[in-house]
Amino acid sequence: MDFLLAVWEYILVFLLAAIPWIEIAAIIPLSIIAGLNPVLVGLLAFVGNLSTVYLLIIFIEKYQQWRNRKKKNQKEKPKRQERAIKVWNKYGLPGLALLGPFLIGSHVSVIVGLALGAKKQTTLLWITISLVLWSIVFTVLSYYGIEFLVGI
């Protein structure tokens, strides 16, 4: 029975990290404080959060395809708008993806990036890099922060 309870705790880490408003910034420290293995917590929180981010990107892509089919008669984008999108893709997405999970959440970062014209593959790459980094940061800080507080 203890084994099933332990497995359930880790399943909860995965599921809670997948919920858009309970980001890795909350679930990792809480899980480590609860005494769960920091490495497993970091890994499961990362995979949980990333899985719903990927699903969100797929959903947004399908929505945009549907919307574009509805707008077939619309004129092409002006060159000025195309240039703005290129600049956004080159410089804006990395900043949003790297700071977003901490400031506004990874899911909102993806929505904003795609709404501003970021490409799906680039968004996937940058949000994955960002979530890897933030998962490591929160796991290490939580683990050593708790160790420090216990030592006081």
N, C-alpha and C. Protein backbone atom coordinates (compact mmCIF):
# COMPACT_ATOMS: atom_id res chain seq x y z
N MET A 1 0.82 -1.19 0.00
CA MET A 1 0.00 0.00 0.00
C MET A 1 0.86 1.26 0.00
N ASP A 2 1.99 1.22 0.73
CA ASP A 2 2.88 2.37 0.75
C ASP A 2 3.45 2.64 -0.63
N PHE A 3 3.73 1.59 -1.38
CA PHE A 3 4.25 1.75 -2.74
C PHE A 3 3.24 2.48 -3.62
N LEU A 4 1.98 2.09 -3.53
CA LEU A 4 0.94 2.73 -4.34
C LEU A 4 0.77 4.20 -3.97
N LEU A 5 0.88 4.49 -2.69
CA LEU A 5 0.78 5.87 -2.24
C LEU A 5 1.95 6.70 -2.79
N ALA A 6 3.14 6.12 -2.76
CA ALA A 6 4.31 6.82 -3.29
C ALA A 6 4.17 7.06 -4.79
N VAL A 7 3.70 6.06 -5.51
CA VAL A 7 3.50 6.22 -6.96
C VAL A 7 2.45 7.30 -7.22
N TRP A 8 1.38 7.29 -6.44
CA TRP A 8 0.33 8.28 -6.60
C TRP A 8 0.86 9.70 -6.37
N GLU A 9 1.75 9.89 -5.41
CA GLU A 9 2.33 11.21 -5.15
C GLU A 9 3.08 11.72 -6.38
N TYR A 10 3.81 10.84 -7.04
CA TYR A 10 4.56 11.25 -8.23
C TYR A 10 3.64 11.48 -9.43
N ILE A 11 2.56 10.71 -9.50
CA ILE A 11 1.56 10.95 -10.56
C ILE A 11 0.93 12.32 -10.35
N LEU A 12 0.67 12.68 -9.11
CA LEU A 12 0.12 14.00 -8.81
C LEU A 12 1.08 15.12 -9.21
N VAL A 13 2.37 14.92 -9.01
CA VAL A 13 3.36 15.92 -9.44
C VAL A 13 3.22 16.15 -10.94
N PHE A 14 3.16 15.07 -11.70
CA PHE A 14 3.01 15.16 -13.16
C PHE A 14 1.72 15.89 -13.52
N LEU A 15 0.61 15.47 -12.92
CA LEU A 15 -0.69 16.05 -13.26
C LEU A 15 -0.80 17.52 -12.86
N LEU A 16 -0.32 17.85 -11.67
CA LEU A 16 -0.39 19.24 -11.22
C LEU A 16 0.51 20.15 -12.05
N ALA A 17 1.66 19.65 -12.45
CA ALA A 17 2.55 20.45 -13.30
C ALA A 17 1.94 20.67 -14.67
N ALA A 18 1.07 19.78 -15.10
CA ALA A 18 0.42 19.91 -16.40
C ALA A 18 -0.69 20.95 -16.40
N ILE A 19 -1.19 21.31 -15.23
CA ILE A 19 -2.26 22.31 -15.14
C ILE A 19 -1.65 23.69 -15.37
N PRO A 20 -2.22 24.47 -16.31
CA PRO A 20 -1.61 25.75 -16.68
C PRO A 20 -1.34 26.73 -15.54
N TRP A 21 -2.17 26.82 -14.54
CA TRP A 21 -1.93 27.82 -13.51
C TRP A 21 -1.19 27.28 -12.29
N ILE A 22 -0.84 26.02 -12.30
CA ILE A 22 -0.02 25.45 -11.23
C ILE A 22 1.32 25.09 -11.86
N GLU A 23 2.09 26.04 -12.19
CA GLU A 23 3.32 25.85 -12.94
C GLU A 23 4.38 25.12 -12.11
N ILE A 24 5.49 24.83 -12.78
CA ILE A 24 6.61 24.16 -12.12
C ILE A 24 7.17 24.99 -10.97
N ALA A 25 6.99 26.31 -11.04
CA ALA A 25 7.49 27.18 -9.97
C ALA A 25 6.80 26.89 -8.65
N ALA A 26 5.61 26.35 -8.69
CA ALA A 26 4.89 26.02 -7.46
C ALA A 26 5.03 24.55 -7.10
N ILE A 27 4.88 23.68 -8.06
CA ILE A 27 4.80 22.25 -7.76
C ILE A 27 6.15 21.66 -7.35
N ILE A 28 7.24 22.14 -7.93
CA ILE A 28 8.55 21.58 -7.57
C ILE A 28 8.90 21.87 -6.11
N PRO A 29 8.86 23.13 -5.67
CA PRO A 29 9.19 23.36 -4.25
C PRO A 29 8.24 22.65 -3.28
N LEU A 30 6.95 22.66 -3.58
CA LEU A 30 5.99 22.00 -2.68
C LEU A 30 6.24 20.50 -2.59
N SER A 31 6.57 19.89 -3.71
CA SER A 31 6.82 18.44 -3.72
C SER A 31 8.10 18.08 -2.97
N ILE A 32 9.11 18.91 -3.12
CA ILE A 32 10.37 18.65 -2.42
C ILE A 32 10.19 18.88 -0.91
N ILE A 33 9.43 19.90 -0.55
CA ILE A 33 9.13 20.13 0.87
C ILE A 33 8.37 18.93 1.44
N ALA A 34 7.52 18.32 0.62
CA ALA A 34 6.75 17.14 1.06
C ALA A 34 7.62 15.90 1.20
N GLY A 35 8.90 16.00 0.80
CA GLY A 35 9.82 14.89 1.00
C GLY A 35 10.00 13.97 -0.20
N LEU A 36 9.50 14.38 -1.36
CA LEU A 36 9.67 13.55 -2.55
C LEU A 36 11.07 13.71 -3.13
N ASN A 37 11.49 12.74 -3.90
CA ASN A 37 12.82 12.74 -4.53
C ASN A 37 12.94 13.94 -5.48
N PRO A 38 13.91 14.83 -5.25
CA PRO A 38 14.03 16.04 -6.07
C PRO A 38 14.24 15.76 -7.56
N VAL A 39 15.03 14.76 -7.88
CA VAL A 39 15.30 14.45 -9.29
C VAL A 39 14.02 13.99 -9.99
N LEU A 40 13.30 13.08 -9.36
CA LEU A 40 12.04 12.61 -9.95
C LEU A 40 11.02 13.73 -10.04
N VAL A 41 10.95 14.56 -9.02
CA VAL A 41 10.02 15.68 -9.02
C VAL A 41 10.34 16.63 -10.17
N GLY A 42 11.61 17.00 -10.31
CA GLY A 42 12.00 17.90 -11.40
C GLY A 42 11.68 17.32 -12.76
N LEU A 43 12.00 16.06 -12.94
CA LEU A 43 11.75 15.40 -14.23
C LEU A 43 10.25 15.29 -14.53
N LEU A 44 9.48 14.83 -13.57
CA LEU A 44 8.04 14.67 -13.79
C LEU A 44 7.33 16.01 -13.97
N ALA A 45 7.75 17.02 -13.22
CA ALA A 45 7.15 18.35 -13.38
C ALA A 45 7.46 18.91 -14.77
N PHE A 46 8.69 18.73 -15.22
CA PHE A 46 9.08 19.18 -16.56
C PHE A 46 8.23 18.49 -17.62
N VAL A 47 8.15 17.17 -17.57
CA VAL A 47 7.40 16.41 -18.58
C VAL A 47 5.90 16.75 -18.51
N GLY A 48 5.36 16.89 -17.32
CA GLY A 48 3.96 17.23 -17.18
C GLY A 48 3.64 18.59 -17.77
N ASN A 49 4.45 19.58 -17.45
CA ASN A 49 4.23 20.92 -17.97
C ASN A 49 4.42 20.96 -19.48
N LEU A 50 5.47 20.31 -19.95
CA LEU A 50 5.77 20.33 -21.38
C LEU A 50 4.69 19.61 -22.19
N SER A 51 4.12 18.56 -21.64
CA SER A 51 3.11 17.81 -22.39
C SER A 51 1.89 18.67 -22.71
N THR A 52 1.43 19.46 -21.76
CA THR A 52 0.27 20.31 -22.05
C THR A 52 0.66 21.51 -22.91
N VAL A 53 1.90 21.96 -22.80
CA VAL A 53 2.36 23.03 -23.69
C VAL A 53 2.36 22.53 -25.13
N TYR A 54 2.85 21.32 -25.36
CA TYR A 54 2.84 20.74 -26.71
C TYR A 54 1.41 20.59 -27.22
N LEU A 55 0.51 20.11 -26.37
CA LEU A 55 -0.90 19.98 -26.77
C LEU A 55 -1.50 21.33 -27.11
N LEU A 56 -1.16 22.35 -26.35
CA LEU A 56 -1.65 23.70 -26.61
C LEU A 56 -1.16 24.20 -27.96
N ILE A 57 0.10 23.97 -28.27
CA ILE A 57 0.65 24.40 -29.55
C ILE A 57 -0.06 23.69 -30.70
N ILE A 58 -0.31 22.41 -30.56
CA ILE A 58 -1.03 21.67 -31.61
C ILE A 58 -2.44 22.23 -31.77
N PHE A 59 -3.12 22.51 -30.67
CA PHE A 59 -4.46 23.07 -30.73
C PHE A 59 -4.46 24.42 -31.43
N ILE A 60 -3.53 25.29 -31.05
CA ILE A 60 -3.46 26.62 -31.67
C ILE A 60 -3.16 26.50 -33.16
N GLU A 61 -2.28 25.58 -33.53
CA GLU A 61 -1.96 25.38 -34.94
C GLU A 61 -3.21 24.95 -35.72
N LYS A 62 -3.96 24.01 -35.18
CA LYS A 62 -5.20 23.55 -35.84
C LYS A 62 -6.21 24.69 -35.94
N TYR A 63 -6.32 25.49 -34.90
CA TYR A 63 -7.23 26.63 -34.91
C TYR A 63 -6.82 27.63 -35.99
N GLN A 64 -5.52 27.92 -36.07
CA GLN A 64 -5.04 28.86 -37.08
C GLN A 64 -5.27 28.34 -38.49
N GLN A 65 -5.08 27.05 -38.70
CA GLN A 65 -5.36 26.46 -40.02
C GLN A 65 -6.84 26.60 -40.36
N TRP A 66 -7.71 26.34 -39.41
CA TRP A 66 -9.14 26.49 -39.63
C TRP A 66 -9.50 27.93 -39.95
N ARG A 67 -8.94 28.86 -39.17
CA ARG A 67 -9.20 30.29 -39.37
C ARG A 67 -8.69 30.75 -40.73
N ASN A 68 -7.52 30.26 -41.13
CA ASN A 68 -6.97 30.66 -42.43
C ASN A 68 -7.82 30.14 -43.59
N ARG A 69 -8.41 28.96 -43.44
CA ARG A 69 -9.31 28.46 -44.48
C ARG A 69 -10.53 29.35 -44.61
N LYS A 70 -10.97 29.89 -43.49
CA LYS A 70 -12.13 30.79 -43.50
C LYS A 70 -11.79 32.14 -44.14
N LYS A 71 -10.52 32.52 -44.07
CA LYS A 71 -10.08 33.83 -44.57
C LYS A 71 -9.37 33.73 -45.91
N LYS A 72 -9.72 32.78 -46.74
CA LYS A 72 -9.02 32.60 -48.02
C LYS A 72 -9.07 33.83 -48.90
N ASN A 73 -10.14 34.57 -48.83
CA ASN A 73 -10.31 35.73 -49.71
C ASN A 73 -9.59 36.97 -49.21
N GLN A 74 -8.99 36.88 -48.05
CA GLN A 74 -8.31 38.04 -47.48
C GLN A 74 -6.99 38.31 -48.22
N LYS A 75 -6.61 39.57 -48.28
CA LYS A 75 -5.37 39.96 -48.95
C LYS A 75 -4.16 39.42 -48.20
N GLU A 76 -3.02 39.41 -48.89
CA GLU A 76 -1.76 38.99 -48.25
C GLU A 76 -1.35 40.00 -47.18
N LYS A 77 -0.47 39.57 -46.30
CA LYS A 77 0.03 40.45 -45.26
C LYS A 77 0.88 41.55 -45.89
N PRO A 78 0.78 42.76 -45.37
CA PRO A 78 1.66 43.82 -45.86
C PRO A 78 3.12 43.50 -45.55
N LYS A 79 4.03 44.03 -46.37
CA LYS A 79 5.46 43.75 -46.16
C LYS A 79 5.93 44.23 -44.80
N ARG A 80 5.38 45.31 -44.33
CA ARG A 80 5.76 45.83 -43.02
C ARG A 80 5.42 44.83 -41.92
N GLN A 81 4.25 44.23 -42.01
CA GLN A 81 3.85 43.23 -41.02
C GLN A 81 4.73 41.99 -41.11
N GLU A 82 5.09 41.60 -42.32
CA GLU A 82 5.98 40.44 -42.49
C GLU A 82 7.34 40.70 -41.86
N ARG A 83 7.87 41.92 -42.03
CA ARG A 83 9.16 42.27 -41.42
C ARG A 83 9.06 42.24 -39.89
N ALA A 84 7.96 42.76 -39.36
CA ALA A 84 7.78 42.77 -37.90
C ALA A 84 7.75 41.35 -37.35
N ILE A 85 7.11 40.46 -38.07
CA ILE A 85 7.05 39.06 -37.64
C ILE A 85 8.43 38.43 -37.68
N LYS A 86 9.22 38.75 -38.72
CA LYS A 86 10.58 38.20 -38.81
C LYS A 86 11.44 38.67 -37.63
N VAL A 87 11.34 39.95 -37.29
CA VAL A 87 12.11 40.48 -36.16
C VAL A 87 11.65 39.81 -34.86
N TRP A 88 10.34 39.65 -34.70
CA TRP A 88 9.81 38.98 -33.51
C TRP A 88 10.34 37.56 -33.41
N ASN A 89 10.31 36.83 -34.54
CA ASN A 89 10.80 35.45 -34.53
C ASN A 89 12.28 35.37 -34.19
N LYS A 90 13.03 36.37 -34.61
CA LYS A 90 14.47 36.31 -34.39
C LYS A 90 14.87 36.69 -32.96
N TYR A 91 14.22 37.68 -32.38
CA TYR A 91 14.68 38.18 -31.08
C TYR A 91 13.67 38.05 -29.94
N GLY A 92 12.40 38.14 -30.26
CA GLY A 92 11.39 38.23 -29.21
C GLY A 92 11.05 36.93 -28.53
N LEU A 93 11.00 35.86 -29.28
CA LEU A 93 10.57 34.59 -28.72
C LEU A 93 11.51 34.04 -27.65
N PRO A 94 12.83 34.09 -27.85
CA PRO A 94 13.71 33.57 -26.79
C PRO A 94 13.49 34.28 -25.44
N GLY A 95 13.37 35.58 -25.48
CA GLY A 95 13.13 36.31 -24.24
C GLY A 95 11.82 35.94 -23.59
N LEU A 96 10.76 35.85 -24.40
CA LEU A 96 9.46 35.47 -23.87
C LEU A 96 9.48 34.06 -23.32
N ALA A 97 10.09 33.15 -24.04
CA ALA A 97 10.12 31.75 -23.61
C ALA A 97 10.95 31.56 -22.35
N LEU A 98 12.06 32.28 -22.24
CA LEU A 98 12.94 32.10 -21.09
C LEU A 98 12.40 32.78 -19.82
N LEU A 99 11.76 33.93 -19.98
CA LEU A 99 11.24 34.63 -18.80
C LEU A 99 9.78 34.29 -18.52
N GLY A 100 9.05 33.90 -19.55
CA GLY A 100 7.62 33.65 -19.42
C GLY A 100 7.21 32.65 -18.36
N PRO A 101 7.83 31.46 -18.30
CA PRO A 101 7.40 30.49 -17.29
C PRO A 101 7.49 31.01 -15.86
N PHE A 102 8.42 31.90 -15.61
CA PHE A 102 8.56 32.46 -14.27
C PHE A 102 7.60 33.64 -14.06
N LEU A 103 7.43 34.46 -15.10
CA LEU A 103 6.65 35.69 -14.95
C LEU A 103 5.16 35.51 -15.23
N ILE A 104 4.82 34.83 -16.33
CA ILE A 104 3.41 34.73 -16.72
C ILE A 104 2.95 33.29 -16.93
N GLY A 105 3.84 32.35 -16.86
CA GLY A 105 3.49 30.95 -17.06
C GLY A 105 3.83 30.49 -18.47
N SER A 106 4.19 29.24 -18.58
CA SER A 106 4.62 28.70 -19.88
C SER A 106 3.49 28.66 -20.89
N HIS A 107 2.29 28.35 -20.44
CA HIS A 107 1.17 28.24 -21.37
C HIS A 107 0.81 29.61 -21.96
N VAL A 108 0.78 30.63 -21.12
CA VAL A 108 0.49 31.98 -21.59
C VAL A 108 1.61 32.45 -22.52
N SER A 109 2.85 32.11 -22.20
CA SER A 109 3.98 32.47 -23.07
C SER A 109 3.81 31.89 -24.47
N VAL A 110 3.38 30.64 -24.54
CA VAL A 110 3.16 29.99 -25.83
C VAL A 110 2.04 30.69 -26.60
N ILE A 111 0.95 30.99 -25.92
CA ILE A 111 -0.18 31.66 -26.58
C ILE A 111 0.25 33.01 -27.12
N VAL A 112 0.96 33.79 -26.31
CA VAL A 112 1.41 35.12 -26.73
C VAL A 112 2.38 35.00 -27.91
N GLY A 113 3.34 34.09 -27.80
CA GLY A 113 4.31 33.93 -28.88
C GLY A 113 3.67 33.55 -30.20
N LEU A 114 2.78 32.57 -30.16
CA LEU A 114 2.12 32.15 -31.40
C LEU A 114 1.19 33.23 -31.93
N ALA A 115 0.52 33.97 -31.03
CA ALA A 115 -0.36 35.05 -31.46
C ALA A 115 0.42 36.17 -32.14
N LEU A 116 1.67 36.35 -31.72
CA LEU A 116 2.51 37.39 -32.32
C LEU A 116 3.23 36.90 -33.57
N GLY A 117 2.97 35.67 -33.97
CA GLY A 117 3.51 35.19 -35.24
C GLY A 117 4.71 34.27 -35.14
N ALA A 118 5.05 33.82 -33.95
CA ALA A 118 6.18 32.90 -33.83
C ALA A 118 5.85 31.59 -34.52
N LYS A 119 6.86 30.96 -35.07
CA LYS A 119 6.66 29.68 -35.75
C LYS A 119 6.54 28.57 -34.71
N LYS A 120 5.77 27.55 -35.06
CA LYS A 120 5.50 26.44 -34.13
C LYS A 120 6.80 25.75 -33.69
N GLN A 121 7.65 25.40 -34.63
CA GLN A 121 8.88 24.66 -34.29
C GLN A 121 9.81 25.50 -33.41
N THR A 122 9.91 26.78 -33.73
CA THR A 122 10.76 27.67 -32.93
C THR A 122 10.19 27.81 -31.52
N THR A 123 8.88 27.93 -31.43
CA THR A 123 8.23 28.03 -30.12
C THR A 123 8.47 26.76 -29.31
N LEU A 124 8.31 25.61 -29.94
CA LEU A 124 8.56 24.34 -29.25
C LEU A 124 9.99 24.27 -28.73
N LEU A 125 10.94 24.66 -29.57
CA LEU A 125 12.35 24.61 -29.17
C LEU A 125 12.61 25.51 -27.97
N TRP A 126 12.20 26.77 -28.05
CA TRP A 126 12.51 27.72 -26.99
C TRP A 126 11.77 27.42 -25.70
N ILE A 127 10.53 26.99 -25.79
CA ILE A 127 9.81 26.70 -24.55
C ILE A 127 10.36 25.43 -23.90
N THR A 128 10.83 24.49 -24.70
CA THR A 128 11.45 23.28 -24.15
C THR A 128 12.75 23.64 -23.42
N ILE A 129 13.58 24.45 -24.07
CA ILE A 129 14.83 24.90 -23.43
C ILE A 129 14.51 25.63 -22.13
N SER A 130 13.54 26.51 -22.18
CA SER A 130 13.16 27.28 -21.01
C SER A 130 12.68 26.39 -19.87
N LEU A 131 11.82 25.43 -20.19
CA LEU A 131 11.30 24.55 -19.14
C LEU A 131 12.38 23.65 -18.55
N VAL A 132 13.32 23.23 -19.38
CA VAL A 132 14.45 22.45 -18.85
C VAL A 132 15.23 23.30 -17.85
N LEU A 133 15.56 24.53 -18.25
CA LEU A 133 16.33 25.41 -17.37
C LEU A 133 15.58 25.72 -16.08
N TRP A 134 14.31 26.11 -16.19
CA TRP A 134 13.54 26.46 -15.00
C TRP A 134 13.31 25.25 -14.10
N SER A 135 13.12 24.08 -14.68
CA SER A 135 12.95 22.87 -13.86
C SER A 135 14.20 22.61 -13.04
N ILE A 136 15.35 22.74 -13.68
CA ILE A 136 16.62 22.54 -12.97
C ILE A 136 16.80 23.60 -11.88
N VAL A 137 16.54 24.86 -12.23
CA VAL A 137 16.71 25.95 -11.26
C VAL A 137 15.80 25.74 -10.05
N PHE A 138 14.52 25.49 -10.28
CA PHE A 138 13.59 25.32 -9.16
C PHE A 138 13.90 24.08 -8.34
N THR A 139 14.34 23.02 -8.99
CA THR A 139 14.68 21.80 -8.25
C THR A 139 15.90 22.03 -7.36
N VAL A 140 16.95 22.59 -7.92
CA VAL A 140 18.18 22.83 -7.16
C VAL A 140 17.94 23.83 -6.03
N LEU A 141 17.28 24.95 -6.35
CA LEU A 141 17.02 25.95 -5.31
C LEU A 141 16.12 25.40 -4.21
N SER A 142 15.12 24.64 -4.58
CA SER A 142 14.22 24.08 -3.58
C SER A 142 14.96 23.08 -2.69
N TYR A 143 15.72 22.20 -3.29
CA TYR A 143 16.43 21.18 -2.52
C TYR A 143 17.44 21.82 -1.57
N TYR A 144 18.29 22.68 -2.11
CA TYR A 144 19.32 23.27 -1.26
C TYR A 144 18.76 24.32 -0.31
N GLY A 145 17.68 24.96 -0.70
CA GLY A 145 17.03 25.91 0.21
C GLY A 145 16.45 25.20 1.42
N ILE A 146 15.84 24.06 1.19
CA ILE A 146 15.28 23.27 2.30
C ILE A 146 16.41 22.73 3.17
N GLU A 147 17.47 22.24 2.55
CA GLU A 147 18.63 21.74 3.31
C GLU A 147 19.22 22.85 4.17
N PHE A 148 19.28 24.07 3.61
CA PHE A 148 19.82 25.20 4.35
C PHE A 148 18.94 25.53 5.54
N LEU A 149 17.63 25.57 5.32
CA LEU A 149 16.70 25.91 6.41
C LEU A 149 16.69 24.85 7.50
N VAL A 150 16.83 23.59 7.13
CA VAL A 150 16.87 22.52 8.12
C VAL A 150 18.15 22.62 8.95
N GLY A 151 19.24 23.08 8.33
CA GLY A 151 20.52 23.19 9.02
C GLY A 151 20.60 24.35 9.99
N ILE A 152 19.66 25.27 9.92
CA ILE A 152 19.70 26.46 10.80
C ILE A 152 19.29 26.11 12.20
